[in-house]
Each structure stands twice: as structure tokens, then as C-alpha cells.
Amino acid sequence: MRLLYISFCLLLPHALFAQQTVKQQAIETLRAQIVSQANWALQQAPVTVTADSSSRSQGTIHDFYSEGDYWWPDPANPEGPYIQRDGMTNPDNFVAHRLAMIRFSKIIGALASAYLLTNDTKYVAHAFTHLQAWFVNPATRMNPSLLYAQAITRKVSGRGIGIIDTIHLMEVAQGTMKMEKAKNVDKKLLADIKNWFAEYLNWLTSHPYGKDEMEAKNNHGTCWVMQVASFAKLTNNETLLEFCRNRYKTVLLPKQMAADGSFPLEISRTKPYGYSLFNLDAMVMICQILSSTQDNLWDYNTPEGLNIKKGIEFMYPYVADKSKWPFKADVMYWKEWPVAQPFLIFGAANFQDNNWLQTWQSLEHNPATEEVIRNLPIRNPIIWF
């Protein structure tokens, strides 16, 4: 079998051969974890936004609700609007919907990965049970909008910045694409799921919250493009795919990356290390999702010479040895980073850098800290090749 695989790879173009080689190494690194997580996922019943609610939400039970992480009661005015403490997460926030979505992402990512390994349709069948509950079943579905995300108590009922919460639907969308041709997929159900994502894309691109988030100058703007690209690929929306490619070239790279490959807007925050990792991961995923033989974002250079490889080369030394980080430490979760960052494996696959791959292999692939998981939406890399 291995000889056949090698023979097959030798017939591929060089870039695709590199991708297939790294994918195979990722499979071998993660095989035991994939099997374990898929076995866990098979035992899980759907839990959607309708399973829990907050009295502070102004939406219905079908509306996703979350609260701004860094907003706290004002000691000088306990009954007044919350005030901001940047980088300091309020542990009393309502997070049930966010955790349910992350759990959903874990389940679909694990089942899709196991299906790719085994071709066993039992994983597909169970995945579509969860997909139906979240996107189709009238009693349990989530509304395809984000009107009430990252609310601030006694200040605003929701904000465009809350759109970043749905980065965890990316592996749901990607997992769906990897399973959609399985022989046991209900085509009507698949169409309904894709229609949900099409409706959400329409909201993301037309509602003021979506437009505000698109214009965000830091990782929020990056994550808007990353999400839209992911969902547009599932729904075959070529117009939005091209829009995202142009946005990456003309806005994200030139307005966020410095000449040395760093992201000054992230470094200026109270969590410069974690935010730099997060923004680089998101930029790399944009390249992975949107690149084609006709338009390869991995090779794109701005007129100023900025490119994604420069971003990886800037950050890699501080992942290989965090003690070399020249900026201040993050105010929270400093010790929990780095983990197996997506930029390492996809960078290794596209630039044939074995050091990046080995570092990815050596890091934690199954983090337990909620904050890390929340900022690591890509946890199942084999479904992205």
C-alpha cells in the first residue's frame, strides 16, 4: 500500500506532491487521536444553541448569544454599563453557545477526519445528524445571523466584532465538503445545510455588523475573510471567493503586515504573542482555502514585497523557542501557547520546510485550555488538504 502511495505521488506536480507528502505525515502523527476523537464523537448527541439560553440575551432561543470577553462590572457604578479591561476575560460571561459551537466543530472535524481515513459511512451518518440539528431542524436550528454576539451588559445587545465567534463553523463547513459525496448522504439535507450557509453569507456581507467586521483592521478583519472564504467554497460562491482573494491581496497583507513579517496591530495588544499566532494562522488558512493553480496566494507578493512566507519566517523562531520573543508577554494564557499551529503544517506543505513540520509534530495537538481552543479553529488539518 505504501509503495502504491509513493508511486501515485511521483506522478503529481511538485507542489501537489509536497502537499500529499505532508498530509500523509499529518495522518501518521494524528491517526491515534483521530480514531479516539471519532469514537467519542459517535457517542455524542446534538447540542445546539436551543439547549441553553441567557436572560441577558435580547434574541430568541434560536439566536446565538455571547458576551464581550473583556467587559466587566464598573466598581464605581455596579448597576451601570460594563467597562473594558482589555485582555482580561470575565469568567462570569455567558459562554454556553460558544462552547456548544466549539463542541459541534470538534465532532464534525473528528468524524470527517475518520471518514477520510476509513471510508466508513457510519461517521458520515452521525455527522449529518448533528448538521441537521444545527442547520435544518426547526426546533433546534440556529438562525443564520449573529445579531447578539459579544453583547455588553447594559451597553449593546450585540456587535459586529462577535462575528469572530463563528470561526468554529469553518471545520463544520470543510468537514461537510469532505463527506458530501458519501453514498449515504441525503441530497435534500445536504442542500438545506448549504442553503443555511448561503443565508449566513448573505447576512455576513450585507448586514452592518458584517460590513463593520470586514473593515476591522486587525485579526477580526482577517477572520471575516477567512470565514467568508470557507463558507463560499462550500456553497460554490465564486463571486465571494474572488472578493476574498482580492481582499487578502489589497487589504489584509499590505495594511496588517510590517516589512519584517510581523503584525504591529497584534503586537500592540495586551496579548501580543497569542494574537500574532492567531492572525498568522488565519492568514495562512486564507491562502490554503483560496489558492488555485490560476491564483496561488502562497506565492503572492505585494508591490512592497510582503508575502505569507515572510509572516511565517518572522513568527517561527518564537514558536520553536518562545523565550526569544522580543515583546512583552501576554497578560493571560502566556504559558499555554504555542500549540500545533496551523501555519506550521500548511507552511511546511507549501514551502517544503521540514523544520516547520517537525516543530508542528512536536507541539500539543489536543489542547485542553478553553481560551486556546477558542483561538485555534483549525484542529483537524487532514480535512484541509
Protein backbone atom coordinates (compact mmCIF):
# COMPACT_ATOMS: atom_id res chain seq x y z
CA MET A 1 0.00 0.00 0.00
CA ARG A 2 2.79 2.43 0.89
CA LEU A 3 4.59 1.61 -2.38
CA LEU A 4 1.41 2.35 -4.33
CA TYR A 5 1.02 5.67 -2.48
CA ILE A 6 4.62 6.67 -3.28
CA SER A 7 4.16 5.69 -6.93
CA PHE A 8 0.98 7.78 -7.08
CA CYS A 9 2.71 10.80 -5.54
CA LEU A 10 5.57 10.62 -8.03
CA LEU A 11 3.04 11.26 -10.80
CA LEU A 12 1.89 14.52 -9.22
CA PRO A 13 3.20 18.05 -9.88
CA HIS A 14 5.89 19.07 -7.37
CA ALA A 15 3.69 21.40 -5.26
CA LEU A 16 0.88 18.86 -5.06
CA PHE A 17 3.36 16.10 -4.25
CA ALA A 18 4.61 18.18 -1.30
CA GLN A 19 1.05 18.68 -0.06
CA GLN A 20 0.31 14.95 -0.29
CA THR A 21 3.56 14.07 1.48
CA VAL A 22 2.87 16.42 4.39
CA LYS A 23 -0.74 15.25 4.53
CA GLN A 24 0.44 11.67 4.89
CA GLN A 25 2.82 12.65 7.69
CA ALA A 26 0.00 14.53 9.40
CA ILE A 27 -2.18 11.42 9.18
CA GLU A 28 0.50 9.29 10.78
CA THR A 29 1.05 11.89 13.53
CA LEU A 30 -2.66 12.22 14.29
CA ARG A 31 -4.03 8.75 13.50
CA ALA A 32 -4.50 7.59 17.08
CA GLN A 33 -6.01 10.94 18.09
CA ILE A 34 -8.40 10.91 15.13
CA VAL A 35 -9.65 7.42 15.97
CA SER A 36 -10.08 8.31 19.65
CA GLN A 37 -11.89 11.57 18.95
CA ALA A 38 -14.13 9.97 16.32
CA ASN A 39 -15.12 7.23 18.75
CA TRP A 40 -16.00 9.94 21.26
CA ALA A 41 -17.95 11.88 18.62
CA LEU A 42 -20.02 8.83 17.69
CA GLN A 43 -21.36 8.78 21.24
CA GLN A 44 -22.41 12.45 21.27
CA ALA A 45 -25.97 13.67 20.77
CA PRO A 46 -26.52 17.09 19.14
CA VAL A 47 -26.44 20.13 21.42
CA THR A 48 -27.34 23.37 19.64
CA VAL A 49 -27.99 26.96 20.72
CA THR A 50 -31.51 26.00 21.80
CA ALA A 51 -30.16 23.82 24.63
CA ASP A 52 -29.24 26.80 26.81
CA SER A 53 -30.11 30.48 27.00
CA SER A 54 -29.30 33.66 28.88
CA SER A 55 -31.79 36.08 30.37
CA ARG A 56 -29.49 38.85 29.18
CA SER A 57 -29.95 37.96 25.50
CA GLN A 58 -32.41 40.04 23.50
CA GLY A 59 -32.73 37.32 20.88
CA THR A 60 -34.80 34.15 20.63
CA ILE A 61 -33.72 30.65 21.64
CA HIS A 62 -32.54 30.17 18.03
CA ASP A 63 -30.15 33.14 18.15
CA PHE A 64 -26.50 32.62 19.02
CA TYR A 65 -25.59 34.75 22.03
CA SER A 66 -22.24 35.58 23.60
CA GLU A 67 -20.79 38.39 25.70
CA GLY A 68 -17.71 40.55 25.22
CA ASP A 69 -14.81 38.78 26.87
CA TYR A 70 -13.01 41.77 28.29
CA TRP A 71 -16.00 43.64 29.74
CA TRP A 72 -16.60 43.79 33.50
CA PRO A 73 -18.93 45.44 36.03
CA ASP A 74 -17.91 49.01 36.84
CA PRO A 75 -16.87 49.15 40.54
CA ALA A 76 -17.83 52.82 40.59
CA ASN A 77 -21.25 52.11 39.10
CA PRO A 78 -22.25 48.45 39.72
CA GLU A 79 -25.67 48.85 38.09
CA GLY A 80 -24.34 50.73 35.07
CA PRO A 81 -22.86 49.59 31.74
CA TYR A 82 -19.89 47.26 31.87
CA ILE A 83 -16.38 48.70 31.34
CA GLN A 84 -13.46 47.24 29.39
CA ARG A 85 -10.34 45.57 30.77
CA ASP A 86 -8.50 44.61 27.59
CA GLY A 87 -7.07 41.12 27.61
CA MET A 88 -8.72 40.14 30.90
CA THR A 89 -11.52 37.61 30.38
CA ASN A 90 -14.58 37.95 32.61
CA PRO A 91 -15.30 34.43 33.96
CA ASP A 92 -18.97 35.27 34.60
CA ASN A 93 -19.80 35.78 30.93
CA PHE A 94 -22.38 33.60 29.17
CA VAL A 95 -20.35 31.16 27.05
CA ALA A 96 -22.74 28.21 26.61
CA HIS A 97 -23.44 28.89 22.93
CA ARG A 98 -19.77 29.38 22.13
CA LEU A 99 -18.89 26.11 23.87
CA ALA A 100 -21.70 24.30 22.06
CA MET A 101 -20.40 25.55 18.72
CA ILE A 102 -16.84 24.54 19.55
CA ARG A 103 -18.12 21.09 20.57
CA PHE A 104 -20.02 20.88 17.26
CA SER A 105 -16.85 21.80 15.39
CA LYS A 106 -14.89 19.14 17.24
CA ILE A 107 -17.50 16.50 16.44
CA ILE A 108 -17.72 17.25 12.71
CA GLY A 109 -13.95 17.65 12.39
CA ALA A 110 -13.33 14.31 14.09
CA LEU A 111 -15.98 12.44 12.10
CA ALA A 112 -14.88 13.88 8.76
CA SER A 113 -11.24 13.05 9.54
CA ALA A 114 -12.15 9.47 10.45
CA TYR A 115 -14.20 9.12 7.28
CA LEU A 116 -11.20 10.21 5.20
CA LEU A 117 -9.06 7.59 6.95
CA THR A 118 -11.50 4.69 6.77
CA ASN A 119 -14.18 5.47 4.15
CA ASP A 120 -16.66 4.16 6.75
CA THR A 121 -20.03 5.85 6.22
CA LYS A 122 -21.06 5.45 9.86
CA TYR A 123 -19.07 8.61 10.53
CA VAL A 124 -20.95 10.45 7.81
CA ALA A 125 -24.34 9.32 9.08
CA HIS A 126 -23.65 10.56 12.59
CA ALA A 127 -22.16 13.83 11.37
CA PHE A 128 -25.29 14.61 9.37
CA THR A 129 -27.42 14.02 12.47
CA HIS A 130 -25.58 16.93 14.07
CA LEU A 131 -25.67 19.03 10.91
CA GLN A 132 -29.42 18.58 10.64
CA ALA A 133 -29.93 19.64 14.25
CA TRP A 134 -27.87 22.81 13.89
CA PHE A 135 -29.00 23.96 10.46
CA VAL A 136 -32.28 22.33 9.44
CA ASN A 137 -34.49 21.03 12.27
CA PRO A 138 -36.99 23.84 13.05
CA ALA A 139 -36.95 23.02 16.76
CA THR A 140 -33.16 23.16 17.24
CA ARG A 141 -31.59 25.10 14.35
CA MET A 142 -29.55 28.24 14.79
CA ASN A 143 -30.67 31.35 12.94
CA PRO A 144 -28.21 32.20 10.11
CA SER A 145 -27.20 35.53 11.62
CA LEU A 146 -25.18 36.87 14.53
CA LEU A 147 -27.18 39.77 15.91
CA TYR A 148 -26.47 39.06 19.58
CA ALA A 149 -22.82 38.03 19.70
CA GLN A 150 -20.34 39.67 22.06
CA ALA A 151 -23.01 41.79 23.72
CA ILE A 152 -22.01 44.14 26.54
CA THR A 153 -24.27 44.18 29.57
CA ARG A 154 -26.37 47.34 29.78
CA LYS A 155 -24.47 48.78 26.81
CA VAL A 156 -25.17 46.95 23.49
CA SER A 157 -27.23 43.88 22.58
CA GLY A 158 -24.64 42.64 20.06
CA ARG A 159 -21.70 43.79 17.94
CA GLY A 160 -20.09 43.05 14.60
CA ILE A 161 -16.95 42.02 16.46
CA GLY A 162 -18.95 39.00 17.63
CA ILE A 163 -18.74 37.52 14.14
CA ILE A 164 -15.37 36.12 15.10
CA ASP A 165 -17.23 33.55 17.25
CA THR A 166 -18.31 31.61 14.16
CA ILE A 167 -14.78 30.77 13.04
CA HIS A 168 -15.65 27.41 14.62
CA LEU A 169 -18.11 26.75 11.83
CA MET A 170 -15.23 26.55 9.38
CA GLU A 171 -14.33 22.94 10.16
CA VAL A 172 -18.06 22.19 10.05
CA ALA A 173 -18.21 23.57 6.50
CA GLN A 174 -14.97 21.89 5.46
CA GLY A 175 -15.98 18.58 7.03
CA THR A 176 -19.28 18.74 5.17
CA MET A 177 -17.43 19.20 1.88
CA LYS A 178 -15.24 16.18 2.60
CA MET A 179 -18.26 13.99 3.31
CA GLU A 180 -20.81 15.31 0.82
CA LYS A 181 -20.12 12.65 -1.84
CA ALA A 182 -20.52 9.72 0.52
CA LYS A 183 -23.08 7.21 -0.76
CA ASN A 184 -25.34 7.59 2.29
CA VAL A 185 -25.74 11.39 2.17
CA ASP A 186 -29.30 12.68 1.85
CA LYS A 187 -29.05 15.17 -1.02
CA LYS A 188 -32.04 17.21 0.17
CA LEU A 189 -30.50 17.52 3.63
CA LEU A 190 -27.16 18.49 2.10
CA ALA A 191 -28.87 21.19 0.03
CA ASP A 192 -30.62 22.54 3.12
CA ILE A 193 -27.31 22.70 5.01
CA LYS A 194 -25.65 24.55 2.15
CA ASN A 195 -28.63 26.89 2.00
CA TRP A 196 -28.07 27.78 5.68
CA PHE A 197 -24.51 28.74 4.91
CA ALA A 198 -25.64 30.71 1.84
CA GLU A 199 -28.07 32.66 4.04
CA TYR A 200 -25.37 33.28 6.62
CA LEU A 201 -23.02 34.52 3.89
CA ASN A 202 -25.69 36.92 2.72
CA TRP A 203 -26.00 38.25 6.27
CA LEU A 204 -22.22 38.50 6.70
CA THR A 205 -21.88 40.56 3.54
CA SER A 206 -24.96 42.77 3.81
CA HIS A 207 -25.71 43.49 7.48
CA PRO A 208 -23.96 46.49 9.09
CA TYR A 209 -22.36 44.17 11.65
CA GLY A 210 -20.84 42.12 8.84
CA LYS A 211 -19.64 45.20 6.99
CA ASP A 212 -18.11 46.59 10.18
CA GLU A 213 -16.24 43.36 10.83
CA MET A 214 -14.99 43.19 7.26
CA GLU A 215 -13.43 46.64 7.74
CA ALA A 216 -11.75 45.74 11.06
CA LYS A 217 -8.03 46.47 10.78
CA ASN A 218 -6.68 43.57 12.85
CA ASN A 219 -7.37 39.85 13.28
CA HIS A 220 -11.12 40.49 13.16
CA GLY A 221 -10.88 41.66 9.55
CA THR A 222 -8.67 38.67 8.76
CA CYS A 223 -11.14 36.24 10.33
CA TRP A 224 -14.04 37.76 8.40
CA VAL A 225 -12.24 36.97 5.13
CA MET A 226 -11.24 33.52 6.38
CA GLN A 227 -14.82 32.61 7.31
CA VAL A 228 -16.40 34.03 4.18
CA ALA A 229 -13.86 32.16 2.05
CA SER A 230 -14.60 28.90 3.85
CA PHE A 231 -18.38 29.20 3.58
CA ALA A 232 -18.22 30.48 -0.01
CA LYS A 233 -16.21 27.42 -1.00
CA LEU A 234 -18.87 25.12 0.47
CA THR A 235 -21.63 26.97 -1.40
CA ASN A 236 -19.67 27.40 -4.65
CA ASN A 237 -19.97 31.19 -4.47
CA GLU A 238 -17.27 32.17 -6.97
CA THR A 239 -18.03 35.88 -6.63
CA LEU A 240 -17.25 35.88 -2.93
CA LEU A 241 -14.21 33.64 -3.38
CA GLU A 242 -12.73 36.16 -5.80
CA PHE A 243 -13.69 39.03 -3.49
CA CYS A 244 -11.80 37.34 -0.64
CA ARG A 245 -8.71 36.78 -2.80
CA ASN A 246 -8.64 40.46 -3.70
CA ARG A 247 -9.24 41.47 -0.09
CA TYR A 248 -6.25 39.41 1.03
CA LYS A 249 -4.02 40.97 -1.63
CA THR A 250 -5.11 44.58 -1.37
CA VAL A 251 -6.15 44.99 2.28
CA LEU A 252 -5.00 42.27 4.67
CA LEU A 253 -1.37 41.85 3.66
CA PRO A 254 -0.49 45.50 2.88
CA LYS A 255 -2.38 47.02 5.83
CA GLN A 256 -1.55 44.49 8.55
CA MET A 257 1.95 43.13 7.85
CA ALA A 258 5.13 45.10 8.54
CA ALA A 259 8.23 44.83 6.38
CA ASP A 260 9.73 42.22 8.73
CA GLY A 261 6.63 39.98 8.53
CA SER A 262 5.20 40.94 11.93
CA PHE A 263 1.69 42.23 12.64
CA PRO A 264 2.05 45.56 14.53
CA LEU A 265 -1.67 45.81 15.33
CA GLU A 266 -1.46 42.47 17.16
CA ILE A 267 1.86 43.22 18.86
CA SER A 268 0.39 46.42 20.33
CA ARG A 269 -2.32 44.44 22.17
CA THR A 270 -2.15 43.04 25.70
CA LYS A 271 -1.74 39.53 24.28
CA PRO A 272 0.80 40.18 21.53
CA TYR A 273 2.09 36.62 21.24
CA GLY A 274 -1.28 34.86 21.14
CA TYR A 275 -2.79 37.41 18.78
CA SER A 276 0.21 37.22 16.45
CA LEU A 277 -0.17 33.44 16.26
CA PHE A 278 -3.90 33.74 15.73
CA ASN A 279 -3.67 36.31 12.94
CA LEU A 280 -0.92 34.38 11.15
CA ASP A 281 -2.95 31.16 11.35
CA ALA A 282 -5.92 32.98 9.83
CA MET A 283 -3.83 34.47 7.00
CA VAL A 284 -2.37 31.05 6.24
CA MET A 285 -5.82 29.47 6.15
CA ILE A 286 -6.96 32.12 3.68
CA CYS A 287 -4.10 31.02 1.42
CA GLN A 288 -4.95 27.35 1.92
CA ILE A 289 -8.65 27.83 1.17
CA LEU A 290 -8.40 30.25 -1.74
CA SER A 291 -5.26 29.27 -3.64
CA SER A 292 -5.67 27.73 -7.07
CA THR A 293 -3.38 26.91 -9.96
CA GLN A 294 -4.56 30.14 -11.59
CA ASP A 295 -4.17 32.30 -8.48
CA ASN A 296 -1.73 30.94 -5.88
CA LEU A 297 -1.85 33.16 -2.80
CA TRP A 298 1.11 31.29 -1.29
CA ASP A 299 3.30 32.89 -3.96
CA TYR A 300 1.62 36.32 -3.98
CA ASN A 301 3.78 39.37 -3.22
CA THR A 302 2.51 42.88 -2.65
CA PRO A 303 4.29 45.70 -4.51
CA GLU A 304 6.16 46.30 -1.23
CA GLY A 305 7.38 42.69 -1.15
CA LEU A 306 5.07 41.42 1.59
CA ASN A 307 4.01 37.77 1.45
CA ILE A 308 2.77 34.99 3.68
CA LYS A 309 6.15 33.24 3.80
CA LYS A 310 7.64 36.36 5.37
CA GLY A 311 4.97 36.19 8.08
CA ILE A 312 5.78 32.54 8.85
CA GLU A 313 9.52 33.21 8.84
CA PHE A 314 9.04 36.07 11.32
CA MET A 315 6.98 34.04 13.78
CA TYR A 316 8.59 30.61 13.50
CA PRO A 317 11.68 31.27 15.70
CA TYR A 318 9.40 32.33 18.57
CA VAL A 319 7.36 29.17 18.24
CA ALA A 320 10.45 26.97 18.14
CA ASP A 321 11.77 28.85 21.20
CA LYS A 322 9.29 31.19 22.87
CA SER A 323 11.97 32.53 25.23
CA LYS A 324 13.32 34.54 22.27
CA TRP A 325 10.07 36.55 21.98
CA PRO A 326 11.27 40.19 21.96
CA PHE A 327 7.99 41.78 23.03
CA LYS A 328 6.02 41.73 26.27
CA ALA A 329 4.38 38.53 27.50
CA ASP A 330 0.62 38.09 27.19
CA VAL A 331 -1.37 39.21 30.24
CA MET A 332 -3.28 35.90 30.27
CA TYR A 333 -2.61 32.39 28.88
CA TRP A 334 1.06 33.12 28.21
CA LYS A 335 2.18 29.64 29.28
CA GLU A 336 -0.44 27.82 27.21
CA TRP A 337 0.98 28.92 23.82
CA PRO A 338 2.19 27.76 21.36
CA VAL A 339 0.40 24.59 20.30
CA ALA A 340 0.35 22.80 16.94
CA GLN A 341 -0.36 25.99 14.99
CA PRO A 342 -1.91 25.51 11.53
CA PHE A 343 0.58 27.91 9.94
CA LEU A 344 3.36 25.41 10.64
CA ILE A 345 1.90 22.43 8.83
CA PHE A 346 0.39 24.30 5.88
CA GLY A 347 3.51 26.44 5.58
CA ALA A 348 5.61 23.28 5.58
CA ALA A 349 3.43 21.74 2.88
CA ASN A 350 3.63 24.75 0.59
CA PHE A 351 7.23 25.82 1.15
CA GLN A 352 8.78 22.37 1.75
CA ASP A 353 10.26 23.32 5.12
CA ASN A 354 10.86 20.23 7.22
CA ASN A 355 11.78 22.24 10.33
CA TRP A 356 8.31 23.76 10.40
CA LEU A 357 6.76 20.31 10.02
CA GLN A 358 8.88 18.79 12.79
CA THR A 359 8.02 21.65 15.13
CA TRP A 360 4.31 21.14 14.37
CA GLN A 361 4.68 17.42 15.09
CA SER A 362 6.33 18.14 18.46
CA LEU A 363 3.69 20.54 19.79
CA GLU A 364 0.36 19.86 21.53
CA HIS A 365 -2.34 18.71 19.09
CA ASN A 366 -5.18 18.40 21.57
CA PRO A 367 -5.08 21.44 23.88
CA ALA A 368 -7.40 21.49 26.88
CA THR A 369 -7.44 25.20 27.75
CA GLU A 370 -10.69 26.81 26.58
CA GLU A 371 -9.03 30.05 25.50
CA VAL A 372 -6.52 28.18 23.35
CA ILE A 373 -9.21 26.03 21.73
CA ARG A 374 -11.29 29.12 21.07
CA ASN A 375 -8.41 30.71 19.17
CA LEU A 376 -7.47 27.53 17.31
CA PRO A 377 -10.39 26.87 14.96
CA ILE A 378 -8.33 24.57 12.71
CA ARG A 379 -7.69 21.41 14.74
CA ASN A 380 -8.19 18.75 12.04
CA PRO A 381 -5.63 19.57 9.35
CA ILE A 382 -6.13 16.49 7.18
CA ILE A 383 -9.56 17.68 6.08
CA TRP A 384 -7.97 20.86 4.68
CA PHE A 385 -5.62 19.23 2.18
